Amino acid sequence: MIITAFLIVLRVIEYAILARVIVSWLPIQRSNRIIMLLYQITEPILGPIRSMIERSSVGRTMLIDFSPIIAFLIISLVRNIVARIALGI
């Protein structure tokens, strides 16, 4: 039950990140309450990843924010590890 809840939280975070990516391409003001909530949910995940990318030698010259892609990869990895532990594989 706890594992299922954890996997659902990971899925919600993925959807929030996807929504944030889509919103970032639209001309929507950041002062909107829903957008602010979306940023509050996703920034604790994307912020550290973004700062790690920016500190790298390649990250300083990047024009595109790859932190959502890396976050998706990390979440997928965590989901697979938790599922394998739950199944006892």
N, C-alpha and C. Protein backbone atom coordinates (compact mmCIF):
# COMPACT_ATOMS: atom_id res chain seq x y z
N MET A 1 0.81 -1.18 0.00
CA MET A 1 0.00 0.00 0.00
C MET A 1 0.87 1.26 0.00
N ILE A 2 1.91 1.29 0.82
CA ILE A 2 2.81 2.43 0.85
C ILE A 2 3.55 2.57 -0.47
N ILE A 3 3.94 1.44 -1.03
CA ILE A 3 4.66 1.47 -2.31
C ILE A 3 3.74 1.99 -3.41
N THR A 4 2.49 1.56 -3.40
CA THR A 4 1.54 2.05 -4.40
C THR A 4 1.35 3.55 -4.27
N ALA A 5 1.23 4.04 -3.06
CA ALA A 5 1.09 5.48 -2.84
C ALA A 5 2.33 6.23 -3.33
N PHE A 6 3.50 5.68 -3.06
CA PHE A 6 4.75 6.30 -3.51
C PHE A 6 4.81 6.36 -5.03
N LEU A 7 4.40 5.28 -5.69
CA LEU A 7 4.40 5.25 -7.15
C LEU A 7 3.39 6.24 -7.72
N ILE A 8 2.27 6.42 -7.04
CA ILE A 8 1.28 7.41 -7.48
C ILE A 8 1.84 8.82 -7.34
N VAL A 9 2.54 9.08 -6.25
CA VAL A 9 3.17 10.40 -6.05
C VAL A 9 4.18 10.67 -7.16
N LEU A 10 4.97 9.66 -7.51
CA LEU A 10 5.93 9.83 -8.61
C LEU A 10 5.22 10.15 -9.92
N ARG A 11 4.09 9.49 -10.17
CA ARG A 11 3.33 9.74 -11.40
C ARG A 11 2.77 11.16 -11.39
N VAL A 12 2.28 11.63 -10.26
CA VAL A 12 1.75 13.00 -10.15
C VAL A 12 2.86 14.01 -10.40
N ILE A 13 4.03 13.74 -9.86
CA ILE A 13 5.17 14.64 -10.09
C ILE A 13 5.53 14.67 -11.57
N GLU A 14 5.50 13.52 -12.22
CA GLU A 14 5.78 13.50 -13.66
C GLU A 14 4.78 14.35 -14.44
N TYR A 15 3.50 14.21 -14.10
CA TYR A 15 2.48 15.01 -14.78
C TYR A 15 2.67 16.50 -14.50
N ALA A 16 3.06 16.84 -13.28
CA ALA A 16 3.30 18.24 -12.93
C ALA A 16 4.48 18.80 -13.73
N ILE A 17 5.54 18.00 -13.87
CA ILE A 17 6.69 18.45 -14.66
C ILE A 17 6.29 18.63 -16.12
N LEU A 18 5.52 17.69 -16.65
CA LEU A 18 5.06 17.80 -18.03
C LEU A 18 4.20 19.05 -18.20
N ALA A 19 3.31 19.31 -17.26
CA ALA A 19 2.47 20.51 -17.33
C ALA A 19 3.33 21.77 -17.28
N ARG A 20 4.36 21.76 -16.45
CA ARG A 20 5.24 22.93 -16.35
C ARG A 20 5.98 23.16 -17.66
N VAL A 21 6.42 22.10 -18.29
CA VAL A 21 7.11 22.24 -19.58
C VAL A 21 6.16 22.86 -20.60
N ILE A 22 4.93 22.37 -20.65
CA ILE A 22 3.96 22.91 -21.61
C ILE A 22 3.65 24.37 -21.30
N VAL A 23 3.45 24.68 -20.02
CA VAL A 23 3.13 26.05 -19.61
C VAL A 23 4.28 27.00 -19.94
N SER A 24 5.50 26.51 -19.85
CA SER A 24 6.65 27.39 -20.11
C SER A 24 6.68 27.86 -21.56
N TRP A 25 5.99 27.18 -22.43
CA TRP A 25 5.95 27.57 -23.84
C TRP A 25 4.76 28.46 -24.16
N LEU A 26 3.86 28.62 -23.21
CA LEU A 26 2.65 29.41 -23.44
C LEU A 26 2.80 30.79 -22.80
N PRO A 27 2.12 31.79 -23.38
CA PRO A 27 2.19 33.16 -22.81
C PRO A 27 1.24 33.32 -21.61
N ILE A 28 1.54 32.60 -20.53
CA ILE A 28 0.72 32.66 -19.32
C ILE A 28 1.55 33.35 -18.24
N GLN A 29 0.91 34.27 -17.51
CA GLN A 29 1.63 34.98 -16.46
C GLN A 29 1.98 34.03 -15.32
N ARG A 30 3.15 34.21 -14.77
CA ARG A 30 3.61 33.36 -13.67
C ARG A 30 2.89 33.69 -12.35
N SER A 31 2.15 34.79 -12.32
CA SER A 31 1.44 35.17 -11.10
C SER A 31 0.11 34.44 -10.94
N ASN A 32 -0.28 33.66 -11.92
CA ASN A 32 -1.49 32.85 -11.84
C ASN A 32 -1.34 31.84 -10.70
N ARG A 33 -2.39 31.64 -9.91
CA ARG A 33 -2.30 30.75 -8.74
C ARG A 33 -1.97 29.31 -9.12
N ILE A 34 -2.56 28.83 -10.19
CA ILE A 34 -2.31 27.45 -10.61
C ILE A 34 -0.86 27.30 -11.07
N ILE A 35 -0.37 28.29 -11.79
CA ILE A 35 1.01 28.25 -12.27
C ILE A 35 1.97 28.32 -11.08
N MET A 36 1.64 29.15 -10.10
CA MET A 36 2.50 29.25 -8.91
C MET A 36 2.53 27.91 -8.17
N LEU A 37 1.38 27.24 -8.06
CA LEU A 37 1.33 25.93 -7.41
C LEU A 37 2.16 24.92 -8.19
N LEU A 38 2.06 24.98 -9.50
CA LEU A 38 2.83 24.07 -10.36
C LEU A 38 4.33 24.27 -10.14
N TYR A 39 4.76 25.52 -10.05
CA TYR A 39 6.17 25.81 -9.80
C TYR A 39 6.59 25.37 -8.40
N GLN A 40 5.70 25.53 -7.42
CA GLN A 40 6.03 25.09 -6.06
C GLN A 40 6.17 23.58 -5.97
N ILE A 41 5.42 22.85 -6.77
CA ILE A 41 5.50 21.39 -6.78
C ILE A 41 6.76 20.92 -7.48
N THR A 42 7.10 21.55 -8.60
CA THR A 42 8.18 21.03 -9.44
C THR A 42 9.56 21.63 -9.16
N GLU A 43 9.62 22.82 -8.63
CA GLU A 43 10.93 23.46 -8.44
C GLU A 43 11.84 22.72 -7.47
N PRO A 44 11.33 22.11 -6.39
CA PRO A 44 12.24 21.35 -5.52
C PRO A 44 12.92 20.18 -6.24
N ILE A 45 12.35 19.73 -7.33
CA ILE A 45 12.96 18.64 -8.11
C ILE A 45 13.83 19.20 -9.23
N LEU A 46 13.28 20.17 -9.95
CA LEU A 46 14.00 20.69 -11.12
C LEU A 46 15.14 21.64 -10.74
N GLY A 47 14.99 22.38 -9.66
CA GLY A 47 16.01 23.35 -9.25
C GLY A 47 17.38 22.74 -9.02
N PRO A 48 17.49 21.71 -8.18
CA PRO A 48 18.81 21.09 -7.96
C PRO A 48 19.40 20.47 -9.22
N ILE A 49 18.55 19.89 -10.04
CA ILE A 49 19.04 19.30 -11.29
C ILE A 49 19.57 20.41 -12.21
N ARG A 50 18.82 21.51 -12.29
CA ARG A 50 19.23 22.63 -13.13
C ARG A 50 20.55 23.22 -12.65
N SER A 51 20.71 23.34 -11.34
CA SER A 51 21.96 23.91 -10.82
C SER A 51 23.14 22.98 -11.08
N MET A 52 22.92 21.67 -11.02
CA MET A 52 24.00 20.73 -11.35
C MET A 52 24.39 20.85 -12.82
N ILE A 53 23.40 21.01 -13.68
CA ILE A 53 23.69 21.17 -15.11
C ILE A 53 24.45 22.47 -15.34
N GLU A 54 24.02 23.55 -14.70
CA GLU A 54 24.67 24.85 -14.89
C GLU A 54 26.11 24.85 -14.38
N ARG A 55 26.40 24.06 -13.34
CA ARG A 55 27.77 24.00 -12.82
C ARG A 55 28.70 23.20 -13.72
N SER A 56 28.14 22.36 -14.57
CA SER A 56 29.00 21.57 -15.45
C SER A 56 29.54 22.46 -16.56
N SER A 57 30.59 22.01 -17.21
CA SER A 57 31.21 22.80 -18.27
C SER A 57 30.29 22.93 -19.48
N VAL A 58 29.48 21.93 -19.73
CA VAL A 58 28.56 21.97 -20.87
C VAL A 58 27.34 22.83 -20.55
N GLY A 59 26.91 22.81 -19.30
CA GLY A 59 25.68 23.48 -18.91
C GLY A 59 25.70 24.98 -19.02
N ARG A 60 26.86 25.58 -18.95
CA ARG A 60 26.95 27.05 -19.00
C ARG A 60 26.55 27.60 -20.36
N THR A 61 26.71 26.81 -21.40
CA THR A 61 26.43 27.31 -22.74
C THR A 61 25.11 26.80 -23.32
N MET A 62 24.35 26.05 -22.54
CA MET A 62 23.10 25.48 -23.04
C MET A 62 22.00 26.53 -23.10
N LEU A 63 21.22 26.49 -24.16
CA LEU A 63 20.10 27.40 -24.32
C LEU A 63 18.79 26.74 -23.92
N ILE A 64 18.77 25.43 -23.84
CA ILE A 64 17.56 24.68 -23.51
C ILE A 64 17.73 24.07 -22.13
N ASP A 65 16.67 24.12 -21.35
CA ASP A 65 16.67 23.55 -20.01
C ASP A 65 16.37 22.05 -20.11
N PHE A 66 17.38 21.24 -19.86
CA PHE A 66 17.23 19.79 -19.93
C PHE A 66 16.86 19.17 -18.58
N SER A 67 16.66 19.98 -17.56
CA SER A 67 16.35 19.43 -16.25
C SER A 67 15.07 18.61 -16.21
N PRO A 68 14.00 18.95 -16.95
CA PRO A 68 12.83 18.08 -16.94
C PRO A 68 13.11 16.69 -17.51
N ILE A 69 13.92 16.63 -18.54
CA ILE A 69 14.26 15.33 -19.14
C ILE A 69 15.04 14.48 -18.15
N ILE A 70 16.01 15.09 -17.49
CA ILE A 70 16.80 14.36 -16.50
C ILE A 70 15.91 13.95 -15.32
N ALA A 71 14.97 14.82 -14.93
CA ALA A 71 14.05 14.48 -13.84
C ALA A 71 13.19 13.28 -14.22
N PHE A 72 12.71 13.25 -15.47
CA PHE A 72 11.93 12.10 -15.93
C PHE A 72 12.76 10.82 -15.87
N LEU A 73 14.02 10.90 -16.27
CA LEU A 73 14.89 9.73 -16.23
C LEU A 73 15.12 9.26 -14.79
N ILE A 74 15.36 10.19 -13.89
CA ILE A 74 15.58 9.83 -12.49
C ILE A 74 14.32 9.23 -11.87
N ILE A 75 13.17 9.84 -12.14
CA ILE A 75 11.91 9.31 -11.61
C ILE A 75 11.64 7.91 -12.15
N SER A 76 11.91 7.72 -13.43
CA SER A 76 11.73 6.39 -14.02
C SER A 76 12.65 5.37 -13.37
N LEU A 77 13.88 5.74 -13.13
CA LEU A 77 14.83 4.85 -12.47
C LEU A 77 14.37 4.50 -11.06
N VAL A 78 13.93 5.51 -10.31
CA VAL A 78 13.44 5.27 -8.94
C VAL A 78 12.21 4.36 -8.98
N ARG A 79 11.30 4.61 -9.92
CA ARG A 79 10.10 3.78 -10.03
C ARG A 79 10.47 2.32 -10.31
N ASN A 80 11.41 2.10 -11.20
CA ASN A 80 11.83 0.74 -11.52
C ASN A 80 12.49 0.05 -10.33
N ILE A 81 13.32 0.78 -9.60
CA ILE A 81 13.98 0.20 -8.43
C ILE A 81 12.95 -0.15 -7.37
N VAL A 82 12.01 0.75 -7.10
CA VAL A 82 10.98 0.48 -6.08
C VAL A 82 10.11 -0.69 -6.51
N ALA A 83 9.74 -0.76 -7.78
CA ALA A 83 8.90 -1.86 -8.25
C ALA A 83 9.64 -3.20 -8.12
N ARG A 84 10.92 -3.22 -8.43
CA ARG A 84 11.70 -4.46 -8.31
C ARG A 84 11.84 -4.87 -6.85
N ILE A 85 12.04 -3.92 -5.98
CA ILE A 85 12.13 -4.25 -4.55
C ILE A 85 10.79 -4.78 -4.05
N ALA A 86 9.70 -4.16 -4.50
CA ALA A 86 8.37 -4.60 -4.06
C ALA A 86 8.06 -6.00 -4.56
N LEU A 87 8.53 -6.32 -5.75
CA LEU A 87 8.26 -7.65 -6.30
C LEU A 87 9.27 -8.68 -5.83
N GLY A 88 10.34 -8.21 -5.19
CA GLY A 88 11.36 -9.12 -4.70
C GLY A 88 12.26 -9.70 -5.78
N ILE A 89 12.44 -8.92 -6.84
CA ILE A 89 13.30 -9.38 -7.95
C ILE A 89 14.74 -8.98 -7.70
